[in-house]
Amino acid sequence: MREQAAERSDFTEFTELVEAAHAEPRLRELHVPSSHWTLGFSSGTGGPRPTARS
């Protein structure tokens, strides 16, 4: 994601946001979905969700 952001010289705010998030160790541990130049931070790892137990 950092490489993609760096390639967008016309959208420096997004690059700055990605770099700031990368600089924060707690945020680097989170799953970060990205869509349409928006970042989301999830406490999950991005792996499979546990199944519900009865």
C-alpha atoms as a PDB file:
ATOM      1  CA  MET A   1       0.000   0.000   0.000  1.00  0.00           C
ATOM      2  CA  ARG A   2       2.888   2.345   0.719  1.00  0.00           C
ATOM      3  CA  GLU A   3       4.258   1.776  -2.784  1.00  0.00           C
ATOM      4  CA  GLN A   4       0.890   2.456  -4.388  1.00  0.00           C
ATOM      5  CA  ALA A   5       0.434   5.631  -2.366  1.00  0.00           C
ATOM      6  CA  ALA A   6       3.922   6.856  -3.260  1.00  0.00           C
ATOM      7  CA  GLU A   7       3.112   6.467  -6.962  1.00  0.00           C
ATOM      8  CA  ARG A   8       0.191   8.901  -6.674  1.00  0.00           C
ATOM      9  CA  SER A   9       1.970  12.250  -6.685  1.00  0.00           C
ATOM     10  CA  ASP A  10      -1.372  13.961  -7.366  1.00  0.00           C
ATOM     11  CA  PHE A  11      -2.806  12.795  -4.018  1.00  0.00           C
ATOM     12  CA  THR A  12      -0.150  13.603  -1.438  1.00  0.00           C
ATOM     13  CA  GLU A  13      -2.658  13.611   1.431  1.00  0.00           C
ATOM     14  CA  PHE A  14      -3.255   9.880   0.982  1.00  0.00           C
ATOM     15  CA  THR A  15       0.492   9.211   0.908  1.00  0.00           C
ATOM     16  CA  GLU A  16       0.897  11.208   4.128  1.00  0.00           C
ATOM     17  CA  LEU A  17      -1.927   9.262   5.788  1.00  0.00           C
ATOM     18  CA  VAL A  18      -0.442   5.894   4.792  1.00  0.00           C
ATOM     19  CA  GLU A  19       3.003   6.917   6.019  1.00  0.00           C
ATOM     20  CA  ALA A  20       1.614   8.235   9.327  1.00  0.00           C
ATOM     21  CA  ALA A  21      -0.311   4.984   9.872  1.00  0.00           C
ATOM     22  CA  HIS A  22       2.802   2.959   9.053  1.00  0.00           C
ATOM     23  CA  ALA A  23       4.827   4.952  11.588  1.00  0.00           C
ATOM     24  CA  GLU A  24       2.422   3.937  14.390  1.00  0.00           C
ATOM     25  CA  PRO A  25       3.275   0.397  15.606  1.00  0.00           C
ATOM     26  CA  ARG A  26      -0.251  -0.249  16.942  1.00  0.00           C
ATOM     27  CA  LEU A  27      -1.769   0.546  13.560  1.00  0.00           C
ATOM     28  CA  ARG A  28       0.728  -1.641  11.690  1.00  0.00           C
ATOM     29  CA  GLU A  29      -0.637  -4.647  13.626  1.00  0.00           C
ATOM     30  CA  LEU A  30      -4.174  -4.114  12.305  1.00  0.00           C
ATOM     31  CA  HIS A  31      -5.765  -5.346   9.105  1.00  0.00           C
ATOM     32  CA  VAL A  32      -6.123  -2.282   6.869  1.00  0.00           C
ATOM     33  CA  PRO A  33      -8.642  -2.604   4.058  1.00  0.00           C
ATOM     34  CA  SER A  34      -8.424   0.125   1.427  1.00  0.00           C
ATOM     35  CA  SER A  35     -11.017   1.106  -1.136  1.00  0.00           C
ATOM     36  CA  HIS A  36     -11.383   4.217  -3.277  1.00  0.00           C
ATOM     37  CA  TRP A  37      -8.557   6.021  -1.433  1.00  0.00           C
ATOM     38  CA  THR A  38     -10.115   5.372   1.973  1.00  0.00           C
ATOM     39  CA  LEU A  39      -8.400   3.426   4.739  1.00  0.00           C
ATOM     40  CA  GLY A  40     -10.181   1.364   7.341  1.00  0.00           C
ATOM     41  CA  PHE A  41      -8.605  -0.127  10.449  1.00  0.00           C
ATOM     42  CA  SER A  42      -9.878  -3.441  11.779  1.00  0.00           C
ATOM     43  CA  SER A  43      -8.792  -5.138  14.973  1.00  0.00           C
ATOM     44  CA  GLY A  44      -8.884  -8.453  13.106  1.00  0.00           C
ATOM     45  CA  THR A  45      -5.951  -9.825  11.191  1.00  0.00           C
ATOM     46  CA  GLY A  46      -7.810 -10.220   7.924  1.00  0.00           C
ATOM     47  CA  GLY A  47      -7.835 -13.987   8.271  1.00  0.00           C
ATOM     48  CA  PRO A  48     -10.881 -16.238   8.435  1.00  0.00           C
ATOM     49  CA  ARG A  49     -13.454 -15.320  11.031  1.00  0.00           C
ATOM     50  CA  PRO A  50     -14.159 -17.904  13.721  1.00  0.00           C
ATOM     51  CA  THR A  51     -17.371 -19.836  13.262  1.00  0.00           C
ATOM     52  CA  ALA A  52     -20.219 -19.386  15.723  1.00  0.00           C
ATOM     53  CA  ARG A  53     -20.557 -22.132  18.311  1.00  0.00           C
ATOM     54  CA  SER A  54     -23.848 -23.283  19.782  1.00  0.00           C
END
